[in-house]
N, C-alpha and C. Protein backbone atom coordinates (compact mmCIF):
# COMPACT_ATOMS: atom_id res chain seq x y z
N MET A 1 118.53 107.45 129.26
CA MET A 1 118.48 107.23 127.81
C MET A 1 117.57 108.28 127.19
N GLY A 2 118.04 108.99 126.15
CA GLY A 2 117.24 109.99 125.48
C GLY A 2 116.08 109.37 124.75
N SER A 3 115.12 110.26 124.39
CA SER A 3 113.92 109.76 123.71
C SER A 3 114.23 109.12 122.37
N SER A 4 115.25 109.66 121.65
CA SER A 4 115.60 109.08 120.35
C SER A 4 116.17 107.68 120.51
N LEU A 5 117.01 107.49 121.54
CA LEU A 5 117.59 106.17 121.79
C LEU A 5 116.51 105.19 122.25
N GLN A 6 115.56 105.68 123.03
CA GLN A 6 114.46 104.82 123.46
C GLN A 6 113.64 104.37 122.26
N GLY A 7 113.43 105.30 121.32
CA GLY A 7 112.69 104.95 120.11
C GLY A 7 113.40 103.88 119.30
N VAL A 8 114.73 104.00 119.20
CA VAL A 8 115.50 103.00 118.47
C VAL A 8 115.40 101.64 119.15
N ALA A 9 115.46 101.64 120.49
CA ALA A 9 115.37 100.38 121.24
C ALA A 9 114.02 99.72 121.03
N VAL A 10 112.95 100.50 121.07
CA VAL A 10 111.62 99.95 120.86
C VAL A 10 111.48 99.41 119.44
N LEU A 11 112.03 100.16 118.47
CA LEU A 11 111.97 99.70 117.08
C LEU A 11 112.69 98.36 116.93
N GLY A 12 113.85 98.22 117.57
CA GLY A 12 114.58 96.96 117.50
C GLY A 12 113.78 95.81 118.08
N LYS A 13 113.08 96.06 119.17
CA LYS A 13 112.25 95.01 119.77
C LYS A 13 111.09 94.64 118.86
N ALA A 14 110.49 95.65 118.22
CA ALA A 14 109.37 95.38 117.32
C ALA A 14 109.83 94.55 116.12
N VAL A 15 111.03 94.86 115.61
CA VAL A 15 111.56 94.09 114.48
C VAL A 15 111.81 92.65 114.90
N LYS A 16 112.27 92.45 116.13
CA LYS A 16 112.49 91.08 116.62
C LYS A 16 111.18 90.30 116.68
N VAL A 17 110.10 90.97 117.07
CA VAL A 17 108.79 90.32 117.07
C VAL A 17 108.41 89.90 115.65
N LEU A 18 108.58 90.81 114.70
CA LEU A 18 108.25 90.49 113.30
C LEU A 18 109.12 89.35 112.78
N ASP A 19 110.41 89.41 113.09
CA ASP A 19 111.32 88.34 112.65
C ASP A 19 110.91 86.99 113.22
N SER A 20 110.49 86.97 114.47
CA SER A 20 110.10 85.72 115.11
C SER A 20 108.89 85.11 114.43
N VAL A 21 107.91 85.94 114.09
CA VAL A 21 106.72 85.44 113.42
C VAL A 21 107.07 85.01 111.99
N ALA A 22 107.94 85.77 111.32
CA ALA A 22 108.32 85.43 109.96
C ALA A 22 109.04 84.08 109.90
N VAL A 23 109.90 83.80 110.88
CA VAL A 23 110.68 82.57 110.89
C VAL A 23 109.85 81.38 111.37
N SER A 24 109.08 81.58 112.44
CA SER A 24 108.37 80.47 113.07
C SER A 24 106.97 80.23 112.54
N GLY A 25 106.42 81.23 111.85
CA GLY A 25 105.02 81.14 111.47
C GLY A 25 104.16 81.70 112.59
N PRO A 26 102.83 81.58 112.49
CA PRO A 26 101.95 82.15 113.51
C PRO A 26 102.34 81.71 114.91
N LEU A 27 102.33 82.69 115.84
CA LEU A 27 102.72 82.43 117.23
C LEU A 27 101.66 82.98 118.17
N THR A 28 101.31 82.20 119.17
CA THR A 28 100.48 82.70 120.25
C THR A 28 101.30 83.67 121.08
N LEU A 29 100.66 84.35 122.02
CA LEU A 29 101.40 85.26 122.88
C LEU A 29 102.47 84.50 123.65
N SER A 30 102.15 83.31 124.15
CA SER A 30 103.15 82.51 124.87
C SER A 30 104.30 82.14 123.95
N GLY A 31 103.99 81.81 122.70
CA GLY A 31 105.02 81.48 121.73
C GLY A 31 105.89 82.68 121.42
N LEU A 32 105.27 83.86 121.36
CA LEU A 32 106.02 85.08 121.10
C LEU A 32 106.97 85.40 122.26
N VAL A 33 106.50 85.18 123.47
CA VAL A 33 107.35 85.38 124.64
C VAL A 33 108.55 84.43 124.60
N ALA A 34 108.30 83.17 124.26
CA ALA A 34 109.39 82.18 124.19
C ALA A 34 110.37 82.52 123.08
N ALA A 35 109.86 82.99 121.93
CA ALA A 35 110.72 83.26 120.78
C ALA A 35 111.58 84.51 120.97
N THR A 36 111.03 85.52 121.64
CA THR A 36 111.75 86.78 121.78
C THR A 36 112.49 86.91 123.11
N GLY A 37 112.00 86.22 124.14
CA GLY A 37 112.58 86.38 125.46
C GLY A 37 112.07 87.61 126.19
N TYR A 38 111.08 88.29 125.61
CA TYR A 38 110.54 89.49 126.25
C TYR A 38 109.52 89.10 127.33
N PRO A 39 109.35 89.95 128.33
CA PRO A 39 108.27 89.72 129.29
C PRO A 39 106.91 89.70 128.57
N ARG A 40 105.98 89.00 129.16
CA ARG A 40 104.67 88.83 128.52
C ARG A 40 104.01 90.18 128.20
N ALA A 41 104.08 91.11 129.17
CA ALA A 41 103.46 92.42 128.96
C ALA A 41 104.12 93.18 127.80
N THR A 42 105.45 93.07 127.70
CA THR A 42 106.18 93.75 126.62
C THR A 42 105.81 93.15 125.27
N ALA A 43 105.80 91.82 125.19
CA ALA A 43 105.45 91.16 123.93
C ALA A 43 104.04 91.52 123.50
N HIS A 44 103.12 91.55 124.47
CA HIS A 44 101.72 91.89 124.15
C HIS A 44 101.61 93.34 123.66
N ARG A 45 102.32 94.24 124.32
CA ARG A 45 102.28 95.66 123.94
C ARG A 45 102.85 95.87 122.53
N LEU A 46 103.97 95.22 122.24
CA LEU A 46 104.57 95.36 120.91
C LEU A 46 103.68 94.76 119.83
N ALA A 47 103.12 93.58 120.10
CA ALA A 47 102.25 92.94 119.12
C ALA A 47 101.01 93.79 118.84
N ALA A 48 100.46 94.39 119.89
CA ALA A 48 99.28 95.25 119.72
C ALA A 48 99.61 96.46 118.87
N ALA A 49 100.79 97.07 119.11
CA ALA A 49 101.19 98.23 118.32
C ALA A 49 101.41 97.85 116.85
N LEU A 50 102.01 96.70 116.62
CA LEU A 50 102.23 96.24 115.25
C LEU A 50 100.91 95.93 114.56
N MET A 51 99.95 95.42 115.30
CA MET A 51 98.63 95.18 114.73
C MET A 51 97.95 96.50 114.35
N ASP A 52 98.14 97.52 115.17
CA ASP A 52 97.54 98.83 114.88
C ASP A 52 98.02 99.38 113.54
N HIS A 53 99.25 99.02 113.17
CA HIS A 53 99.84 99.50 111.92
C HIS A 53 99.71 98.49 110.79
N GLY A 54 99.00 97.41 111.02
CA GLY A 54 98.78 96.42 109.97
C GLY A 54 99.96 95.53 109.69
N LEU A 55 100.98 95.56 110.56
CA LEU A 55 102.17 94.74 110.35
C LEU A 55 102.01 93.34 110.93
N LEU A 56 101.11 93.19 111.88
CA LEU A 56 100.70 91.88 112.39
C LEU A 56 99.18 91.84 112.39
N ASP A 57 98.62 90.65 112.30
CA ASP A 57 97.22 90.48 112.63
C ASP A 57 97.07 89.14 113.36
N LYS A 58 95.83 88.83 113.75
CA LYS A 58 95.60 87.63 114.54
C LYS A 58 94.75 86.64 113.76
N ASP A 59 95.15 85.39 113.84
CA ASP A 59 94.35 84.31 113.28
C ASP A 59 93.02 84.27 114.03
N PRO A 60 91.89 84.45 113.32
CA PRO A 60 90.60 84.51 114.03
C PRO A 60 90.20 83.20 114.70
N THR A 61 90.79 82.09 114.26
CA THR A 61 90.41 80.80 114.85
C THR A 61 91.27 80.46 116.06
N GLY A 62 92.60 80.57 115.91
CA GLY A 62 93.47 80.17 117.01
C GLY A 62 94.01 81.30 117.85
N GLY A 63 93.84 82.53 117.40
CA GLY A 63 94.33 83.67 118.16
C GLY A 63 95.82 83.88 118.07
N ALA A 64 96.49 83.19 117.14
CA ALA A 64 97.94 83.35 116.99
C ALA A 64 98.24 84.60 116.14
N TYR A 65 99.37 85.23 116.44
CA TYR A 65 99.81 86.38 115.66
C TYR A 65 100.46 85.89 114.36
N ARG A 66 100.16 86.58 113.27
CA ARG A 66 100.76 86.27 111.97
C ARG A 66 101.09 87.57 111.28
N LEU A 67 101.88 87.49 110.21
CA LEU A 67 102.25 88.70 109.48
C LEU A 67 101.00 89.37 108.93
N GLY A 68 100.97 90.70 109.05
CA GLY A 68 99.78 91.45 108.66
C GLY A 68 99.77 91.83 107.20
N PRO A 69 98.63 92.30 106.72
CA PRO A 69 98.46 92.62 105.30
C PRO A 69 99.37 93.75 104.82
N ARG A 70 99.66 94.70 105.71
CA ARG A 70 100.53 95.80 105.27
C ARG A 70 101.94 95.31 105.01
N LEU A 71 102.42 94.40 105.86
CA LEU A 71 103.76 93.85 105.67
C LEU A 71 103.82 93.04 104.38
N VAL A 72 102.78 92.27 104.11
CA VAL A 72 102.72 91.50 102.86
C VAL A 72 102.73 92.44 101.66
N GLU A 73 101.99 93.54 101.76
CA GLU A 73 101.96 94.51 100.66
C GLU A 73 103.31 95.18 100.47
N LEU A 74 103.98 95.50 101.58
CA LEU A 74 105.32 96.08 101.48
C LEU A 74 106.28 95.11 100.79
N GLY A 75 106.15 93.82 101.11
CA GLY A 75 106.98 92.82 100.44
C GLY A 75 106.69 92.75 98.96
N ARG A 76 105.41 92.87 98.60
CA ARG A 76 105.04 92.86 97.18
C ARG A 76 105.63 94.07 96.46
N LEU A 77 105.55 95.23 97.11
CA LEU A 77 106.09 96.44 96.50
C LEU A 77 107.61 96.36 96.37
N ALA A 78 108.27 95.73 97.36
CA ALA A 78 109.72 95.55 97.26
C ALA A 78 110.08 94.66 96.08
N GLY A 79 109.27 93.63 95.86
CA GLY A 79 109.50 92.76 94.71
C GLY A 79 109.32 93.50 93.40
N LEU A 80 108.29 94.35 93.33
CA LEU A 80 108.07 95.15 92.14
C LEU A 80 109.24 96.12 91.91
N ARG A 81 109.74 96.69 93.02
CA ARG A 81 110.88 97.61 92.92
C ARG A 81 112.10 96.88 92.36
N ARG A 82 112.35 95.69 92.86
CA ARG A 82 113.47 94.91 92.35
C ARG A 82 113.34 94.67 90.85
N ARG A 83 112.14 94.20 90.45
CA ARG A 83 111.96 93.88 89.03
C ARG A 83 112.07 95.12 88.16
N GLY A 84 111.52 96.24 88.66
CA GLY A 84 111.60 97.49 87.90
C GLY A 84 113.04 97.96 87.74
N LEU A 85 113.80 97.88 88.82
CA LEU A 85 115.22 98.24 88.75
C LEU A 85 115.98 97.35 87.79
N ALA A 86 115.75 96.04 87.92
CA ALA A 86 116.46 95.08 87.07
C ALA A 86 116.15 95.33 85.60
N GLN A 87 114.89 95.58 85.29
CA GLN A 87 114.50 95.80 83.90
C GLN A 87 115.11 97.09 83.38
N ALA A 88 115.07 98.16 84.18
CA ALA A 88 115.62 99.44 83.74
C ALA A 88 117.13 99.38 83.55
N ALA A 89 117.78 98.57 84.38
CA ALA A 89 119.25 98.52 84.36
C ALA A 89 119.80 97.59 83.29
N GLY A 90 118.99 96.67 82.80
CA GLY A 90 119.48 95.61 81.90
C GLY A 90 120.35 96.08 80.76
N PRO A 91 119.89 96.99 79.90
CA PRO A 91 120.71 97.40 78.74
C PRO A 91 122.05 98.01 79.14
N ALA A 92 122.05 98.88 80.14
CA ALA A 92 123.30 99.52 80.56
C ALA A 92 124.27 98.50 81.14
N LEU A 93 123.76 97.53 81.89
CA LEU A 93 124.64 96.52 82.48
C LEU A 93 125.23 95.60 81.41
N GLU A 94 124.45 95.29 80.39
CA GLU A 94 124.98 94.47 79.30
C GLU A 94 126.11 95.20 78.58
N ARG A 95 125.91 96.50 78.35
CA ARG A 95 126.97 97.28 77.69
C ARG A 95 128.21 97.34 78.57
N LEU A 96 128.01 97.46 79.88
CA LEU A 96 129.15 97.52 80.79
C LEU A 96 129.91 96.20 80.80
N ARG A 97 129.19 95.09 80.82
CA ARG A 97 129.87 93.78 80.77
C ARG A 97 130.66 93.62 79.47
N ASP A 98 130.05 94.03 78.36
CA ASP A 98 130.74 93.89 77.07
C ASP A 98 131.94 94.83 76.98
N ARG A 99 131.82 96.01 77.55
CA ARG A 99 132.89 97.01 77.48
C ARG A 99 134.09 96.61 78.34
N THR A 100 133.82 96.05 79.52
CA THR A 100 134.92 95.72 80.44
C THR A 100 135.40 94.28 80.31
N GLY A 101 134.53 93.40 79.83
CA GLY A 101 134.88 91.99 79.76
C GLY A 101 134.84 91.30 81.11
N GLU A 102 134.31 91.99 82.14
CA GLU A 102 134.26 91.42 83.48
C GLU A 102 132.80 91.24 83.93
N SER A 103 132.61 90.52 85.02
CA SER A 103 131.27 90.28 85.54
C SER A 103 130.68 91.57 86.10
N VAL A 104 129.38 91.70 85.94
CA VAL A 104 128.67 92.93 86.34
C VAL A 104 127.50 92.55 87.23
N GLN A 105 127.28 93.33 88.29
CA GLN A 105 126.16 93.08 89.19
C GLN A 105 125.43 94.38 89.51
N LEU A 106 124.16 94.22 89.92
CA LEU A 106 123.38 95.33 90.46
C LEU A 106 122.92 94.90 91.84
N PHE A 107 123.23 95.73 92.85
CA PHE A 107 122.88 95.43 94.24
C PHE A 107 121.91 96.46 94.80
N VAL A 108 121.03 96.01 95.70
CA VAL A 108 120.20 96.92 96.49
C VAL A 108 120.39 96.57 97.96
N ALA A 109 120.13 97.54 98.82
CA ALA A 109 120.23 97.32 100.27
C ALA A 109 118.89 96.82 100.79
N GLU A 110 118.92 95.71 101.50
CA GLU A 110 117.71 95.15 102.10
C GLU A 110 118.07 94.42 103.39
N GLY A 111 117.37 94.75 104.46
CA GLY A 111 117.54 94.02 105.72
C GLY A 111 118.95 94.03 106.26
N GLY A 112 119.66 95.15 106.10
CA GLY A 112 121.01 95.24 106.63
C GLY A 112 122.05 94.52 105.80
N GLN A 113 121.67 94.04 104.62
CA GLN A 113 122.59 93.38 103.70
C GLN A 113 122.48 94.04 102.32
N ARG A 114 123.34 93.64 101.41
CA ARG A 114 123.15 94.04 100.01
C ARG A 114 122.78 92.79 99.23
N VAL A 115 121.77 92.92 98.42
CA VAL A 115 121.22 91.78 97.69
C VAL A 115 121.45 91.99 96.20
N CYS A 116 121.96 90.96 95.54
CA CYS A 116 122.21 91.01 94.10
C CYS A 116 120.90 90.76 93.35
N ILE A 117 120.49 91.72 92.51
CA ILE A 117 119.25 91.55 91.76
C ILE A 117 119.50 91.36 90.26
N VAL A 118 120.71 91.65 89.80
CA VAL A 118 121.11 91.35 88.41
C VAL A 118 122.55 90.87 88.45
N SER A 119 122.85 89.82 87.70
CA SER A 119 124.22 89.31 87.63
C SER A 119 124.51 88.86 86.20
N LEU A 120 125.48 89.50 85.57
CA LEU A 120 125.91 89.13 84.23
C LEU A 120 127.36 88.66 84.31
N GLU A 121 127.63 87.46 83.86
CA GLU A 121 128.96 86.88 84.03
C GLU A 121 129.90 87.25 82.89
N SER A 122 131.16 87.39 83.24
CA SER A 122 132.22 87.62 82.27
C SER A 122 132.34 86.43 81.32
N PRO A 123 132.75 86.67 80.06
CA PRO A 123 132.98 85.55 79.15
C PRO A 123 134.25 84.76 79.44
N HIS A 124 135.11 85.28 80.32
CA HIS A 124 136.35 84.59 80.65
C HIS A 124 136.05 83.34 81.50
N SER A 125 136.87 82.32 81.34
CA SER A 125 136.68 81.11 82.14
C SER A 125 136.95 81.37 83.62
N LEU A 126 137.90 82.23 83.93
CA LEU A 126 138.17 82.65 85.29
C LEU A 126 137.42 83.97 85.52
N ARG A 127 136.37 83.91 86.33
CA ARG A 127 135.51 85.09 86.49
C ARG A 127 134.86 85.09 87.87
N THR A 128 134.30 86.22 88.22
CA THR A 128 133.54 86.36 89.45
C THR A 128 132.11 85.92 89.21
N ILE A 129 131.57 85.12 90.12
CA ILE A 129 130.18 84.67 90.00
C ILE A 129 129.44 85.06 91.28
N VAL A 130 128.43 85.91 91.12
CA VAL A 130 127.56 86.30 92.24
C VAL A 130 126.13 85.96 91.82
N PRO A 131 125.50 84.97 92.42
CA PRO A 131 124.16 84.57 92.00
C PRO A 131 123.12 85.65 92.31
N VAL A 132 122.13 85.75 91.47
CA VAL A 132 121.00 86.62 91.77
C VAL A 132 120.33 86.12 93.05
N GLY A 133 120.05 87.04 93.96
CA GLY A 133 119.47 86.70 95.25
C GLY A 133 120.50 86.56 96.36
N ALA A 134 121.79 86.56 96.01
CA ALA A 134 122.83 86.44 97.03
C ALA A 134 122.80 87.65 97.96
N SER A 135 122.90 87.41 99.27
CA SER A 135 122.98 88.47 100.27
C SER A 135 124.41 88.58 100.75
N LEU A 136 124.98 89.75 100.64
CA LEU A 136 126.37 89.99 101.02
C LEU A 136 126.42 91.13 102.02
N PRO A 137 127.51 91.23 102.78
CA PRO A 137 127.58 92.27 103.82
C PRO A 137 127.68 93.68 103.23
N LEU A 138 127.15 94.63 103.98
CA LEU A 138 127.24 96.03 103.57
C LEU A 138 128.56 96.67 103.96
N ASP A 139 129.28 96.05 104.89
CA ASP A 139 130.49 96.69 105.41
C ASP A 139 131.77 96.22 104.71
N ARG A 140 131.62 95.38 103.69
CA ARG A 140 132.80 94.94 102.94
C ARG A 140 132.47 94.93 101.46
N GLY A 141 133.42 95.38 100.65
CA GLY A 141 133.23 95.42 99.20
C GLY A 141 132.76 96.79 98.73
N SER A 142 133.13 97.12 97.51
CA SER A 142 132.83 98.46 96.99
C SER A 142 131.34 98.73 96.89
N ALA A 143 130.54 97.72 96.50
CA ALA A 143 129.10 97.94 96.38
C ALA A 143 128.47 98.23 97.74
N GLY A 144 128.95 97.57 98.78
CA GLY A 144 128.43 97.84 100.12
C GLY A 144 128.70 99.27 100.55
N ARG A 145 129.89 99.76 100.26
CA ARG A 145 130.22 101.13 100.65
C ARG A 145 129.43 102.15 99.82
N VAL A 146 129.18 101.81 98.56
CA VAL A 146 128.35 102.69 97.73
C VAL A 146 126.94 102.79 98.30
N LEU A 147 126.37 101.66 98.69
CA LEU A 147 125.01 101.68 99.24
C LEU A 147 124.96 102.40 100.58
N GLY A 148 126.09 102.50 101.24
CA GLY A 148 126.18 103.27 102.47
C GLY A 148 126.41 104.75 102.24
N GLY A 149 126.50 105.16 100.97
CA GLY A 149 126.64 106.57 100.64
C GLY A 149 128.05 107.09 100.62
N GLU A 150 129.07 106.21 100.66
CA GLU A 150 130.45 106.68 100.75
C GLU A 150 130.88 107.57 99.58
N PRO A 151 130.58 107.21 98.32
CA PRO A 151 131.03 108.08 97.23
C PRO A 151 130.48 109.50 97.33
N LEU A 152 129.22 109.63 97.74
CA LEU A 152 128.62 110.95 97.87
C LEU A 152 129.27 111.71 99.02
N ALA A 153 129.55 111.00 100.12
CA ALA A 153 130.17 111.64 101.27
C ALA A 153 131.58 112.13 100.94
N LEU A 154 132.27 111.40 100.09
CA LEU A 154 133.64 111.76 99.72
C LEU A 154 133.70 112.69 98.52
N GLY A 155 132.53 112.98 97.95
CA GLY A 155 132.50 113.87 96.80
C GLY A 155 133.03 113.24 95.53
N GLN A 156 132.97 111.91 95.42
CA GLN A 156 133.39 111.24 94.20
C GLN A 156 132.28 110.31 93.75
N GLY A 157 132.46 109.75 92.55
CA GLY A 157 131.37 108.99 91.96
C GLY A 157 131.53 107.49 92.01
N TRP A 158 132.55 106.95 92.71
CA TRP A 158 132.75 105.50 92.70
C TRP A 158 133.59 105.06 93.89
N CYS A 159 133.57 103.77 94.15
CA CYS A 159 134.42 103.13 95.17
C CYS A 159 135.09 101.91 94.55
N GLU A 160 136.24 101.56 95.07
CA GLU A 160 136.90 100.32 94.67
C GLU A 160 137.25 99.50 95.90
N SER A 161 137.39 98.20 95.70
CA SER A 161 137.87 97.33 96.77
C SER A 161 138.73 96.24 96.16
N VAL A 162 139.72 95.82 96.91
CA VAL A 162 140.65 94.78 96.47
C VAL A 162 140.77 93.74 97.57
N GLU A 163 140.30 92.53 97.30
CA GLU A 163 140.35 91.42 98.26
C GLU A 163 139.75 91.81 99.61
N GLU A 164 138.74 92.65 99.59
CA GLU A 164 138.12 93.10 100.83
C GLU A 164 137.11 92.10 101.35
N ARG A 165 136.32 91.53 100.44
CA ARG A 165 135.32 90.53 100.84
C ARG A 165 135.76 89.12 100.51
N GLU A 166 136.47 88.97 99.40
CA GLU A 166 136.89 87.65 98.95
C GLU A 166 138.30 87.72 98.39
N ARG A 167 139.13 86.77 98.78
CA ARG A 167 140.52 86.75 98.34
C ARG A 167 140.60 86.60 96.82
N GLY A 168 141.47 87.41 96.21
CA GLY A 168 141.70 87.30 94.77
C GLY A 168 140.71 88.06 93.91
N VAL A 169 139.77 88.79 94.54
CA VAL A 169 138.73 89.50 93.79
C VAL A 169 138.81 91.00 94.06
N ALA A 170 138.66 91.78 92.99
CA ALA A 170 138.60 93.24 93.10
C ALA A 170 137.32 93.72 92.43
N SER A 171 136.86 94.89 92.85
CA SER A 171 135.62 95.42 92.27
C SER A 171 135.63 96.94 92.27
N VAL A 172 134.78 97.48 91.40
CA VAL A 172 134.54 98.93 91.34
C VAL A 172 133.03 99.10 91.26
N SER A 173 132.49 100.03 92.04
CA SER A 173 131.04 100.23 92.08
C SER A 173 130.72 101.72 92.06
N ALA A 174 129.51 102.02 91.57
CA ALA A 174 129.04 103.40 91.51
C ALA A 174 127.55 103.42 91.86
N PRO A 175 127.07 104.55 92.40
CA PRO A 175 125.68 104.61 92.86
C PRO A 175 124.68 104.91 91.75
N VAL A 176 123.53 104.26 91.85
CA VAL A 176 122.36 104.60 91.04
C VAL A 176 121.50 105.53 91.89
N LEU A 177 121.16 106.69 91.35
CA LEU A 177 120.45 107.70 92.11
C LEU A 177 119.03 107.89 91.60
N LEU A 178 118.13 108.11 92.52
CA LEU A 178 116.75 108.46 92.20
C LEU A 178 116.35 109.60 93.13
N ASP A 179 116.07 110.75 92.56
CA ASP A 179 115.75 111.95 93.35
C ASP A 179 116.84 112.25 94.37
N GLY A 180 118.09 112.02 93.97
CA GLY A 180 119.22 112.34 94.83
C GLY A 180 119.59 111.29 95.85
N ALA A 181 118.80 110.23 95.96
CA ALA A 181 119.07 109.18 96.94
C ALA A 181 119.68 107.96 96.26
N VAL A 182 120.58 107.28 96.95
CA VAL A 182 121.19 106.06 96.42
C VAL A 182 120.19 104.92 96.55
N VAL A 183 119.80 104.33 95.41
CA VAL A 183 118.82 103.24 95.43
C VAL A 183 119.42 101.91 95.01
N ALA A 184 120.61 101.93 94.44
CA ALA A 184 121.26 100.69 93.99
C ALA A 184 122.73 100.97 93.73
N ALA A 185 123.48 99.91 93.52
CA ALA A 185 124.89 100.04 93.19
C ALA A 185 125.21 99.17 91.98
N VAL A 186 125.82 99.77 90.97
CA VAL A 186 126.33 99.03 89.82
C VAL A 186 127.77 98.63 90.13
N SER A 187 128.11 97.37 89.86
CA SER A 187 129.43 96.87 90.23
C SER A 187 130.04 96.05 89.11
N VAL A 188 131.34 96.25 88.91
CA VAL A 188 132.15 95.38 88.05
C VAL A 188 133.13 94.65 88.95
N SER A 189 133.24 93.34 88.80
CA SER A 189 134.17 92.58 89.64
C SER A 189 134.88 91.52 88.82
N GLY A 190 136.08 91.18 89.26
CA GLY A 190 136.84 90.16 88.56
C GLY A 190 138.09 89.80 89.32
N PRO A 191 138.86 88.84 88.82
CA PRO A 191 140.09 88.42 89.50
C PRO A 191 141.14 89.53 89.46
N VAL A 192 141.87 89.65 90.55
CA VAL A 192 142.86 90.70 90.68
C VAL A 192 143.90 90.63 89.57
N GLU A 193 144.20 89.43 89.10
CA GLU A 193 145.23 89.31 88.07
C GLU A 193 144.84 90.03 86.77
N ARG A 194 143.54 90.25 86.56
CA ARG A 194 143.12 91.03 85.38
C ARG A 194 142.74 92.46 85.75
N THR A 195 142.04 92.62 86.87
CA THR A 195 141.57 93.95 87.24
C THR A 195 142.68 94.82 87.82
N THR A 196 143.76 94.19 88.27
CA THR A 196 144.90 94.81 88.97
C THR A 196 144.49 95.22 90.37
N ARG A 197 145.44 95.71 91.13
CA ARG A 197 145.16 96.13 92.49
C ARG A 197 144.72 97.59 92.55
N ALA A 198 144.52 98.20 91.41
CA ALA A 198 143.96 99.55 91.32
C ALA A 198 142.85 99.52 90.27
N PRO A 199 141.78 98.77 90.51
CA PRO A 199 140.75 98.57 89.49
C PRO A 199 140.03 99.85 89.10
N GLY A 200 140.02 100.83 90.00
CA GLY A 200 139.34 102.09 89.67
C GLY A 200 139.95 102.80 88.47
N ARG A 201 141.25 102.68 88.31
CA ARG A 201 141.91 103.32 87.17
C ARG A 201 141.40 102.76 85.85
N ARG A 202 141.09 101.47 85.87
CA ARG A 202 140.69 100.80 84.63
C ARG A 202 139.19 100.88 84.37
N TYR A 203 138.39 100.81 85.43
CA TYR A 203 136.95 100.62 85.22
C TYR A 203 136.05 101.74 85.74
N SER A 204 136.58 102.68 86.51
CA SER A 204 135.69 103.65 87.17
C SER A 204 134.86 104.45 86.17
N ALA A 205 135.47 104.89 85.08
CA ALA A 205 134.72 105.71 84.12
C ALA A 205 133.55 104.93 83.53
N ALA A 206 133.79 103.67 83.17
CA ALA A 206 132.73 102.84 82.58
C ALA A 206 131.63 102.55 83.59
N VAL A 207 132.01 102.28 84.83
CA VAL A 207 131.02 101.96 85.86
C VAL A 207 130.17 103.19 86.19
N VAL A 208 130.80 104.34 86.32
CA VAL A 208 130.06 105.57 86.59
C VAL A 208 129.10 105.88 85.46
N GLU A 209 129.53 105.70 84.23
CA GLU A 209 128.66 105.95 83.08
C GLU A 209 127.46 105.01 83.09
N ALA A 210 127.70 103.74 83.38
CA ALA A 210 126.59 102.77 83.43
C ALA A 210 125.60 103.13 84.54
N ALA A 211 126.12 103.49 85.72
CA ALA A 211 125.23 103.87 86.82
C ALA A 211 124.41 105.09 86.46
N ARG A 212 125.02 106.03 85.74
CA ARG A 212 124.28 107.24 85.32
C ARG A 212 123.19 106.86 84.32
N GLU A 213 123.48 105.94 83.43
CA GLU A 213 122.47 105.49 82.46
C GLU A 213 121.28 104.83 83.17
N VAL A 214 121.57 104.03 84.20
CA VAL A 214 120.50 103.40 84.96
C VAL A 214 119.66 104.46 85.68
N SER A 215 120.35 105.43 86.28
CA SER A 215 119.64 106.51 86.98
C SER A 215 118.70 107.24 86.03
N LEU A 216 119.17 107.52 84.82
CA LEU A 216 118.33 108.21 83.82
C LEU A 216 117.15 107.33 83.41
N ALA A 217 117.40 106.03 83.30
CA ALA A 217 116.31 105.12 82.92
C ALA A 217 115.22 105.07 83.99
N LEU A 218 115.62 105.21 85.25
CA LEU A 218 114.64 105.22 86.34
C LEU A 218 113.86 106.52 86.39
N GLY A 219 114.52 107.60 86.00
CA GLY A 219 113.85 108.91 86.06
C GLY A 219 112.87 109.11 84.96
């Protein structure tokens, strides 16, 4: 196994340690071994390395491992990022919803999923509803492919999907860029009977314009 693959394997094990503590709460070394299935020496080595980086620390009374201050701070910064994005995107997303008459969402990539941080519903009685905070897969739906960089890789500014994640629903999404990197995806979604099976023809220009407005607001 090459050094890069070894690094990826170690990173995966370290993430499993963090996930175990996040789900179970503070864990002793024995508890960490039981939760991860790692040998005691491996669990101890990973926990020590995570402590060195402030991602874990130890309860001074019971000696159990708990989430460290750096991880808590990273979570706080992620929350601030979400709120900042949502606030910056609000006016453009409202205009997009009014212009298209369909539901509009803003997604960010987190933890291997895409998370909805803004959701504006269509005025139609038959509409797409994606709750704020919903976690959806990155490998299905136009917003997931946008967050994976597909439009940039293909040299275009948007993606569409038809019944890819949910039957009867189509969507069009475009990337929000900050310093050239994709930081969010603006999405319009609705029932196929209104959006048609080629939703990009109808909505791509409006979605791309809204995503560009959000990008400018962030800059």
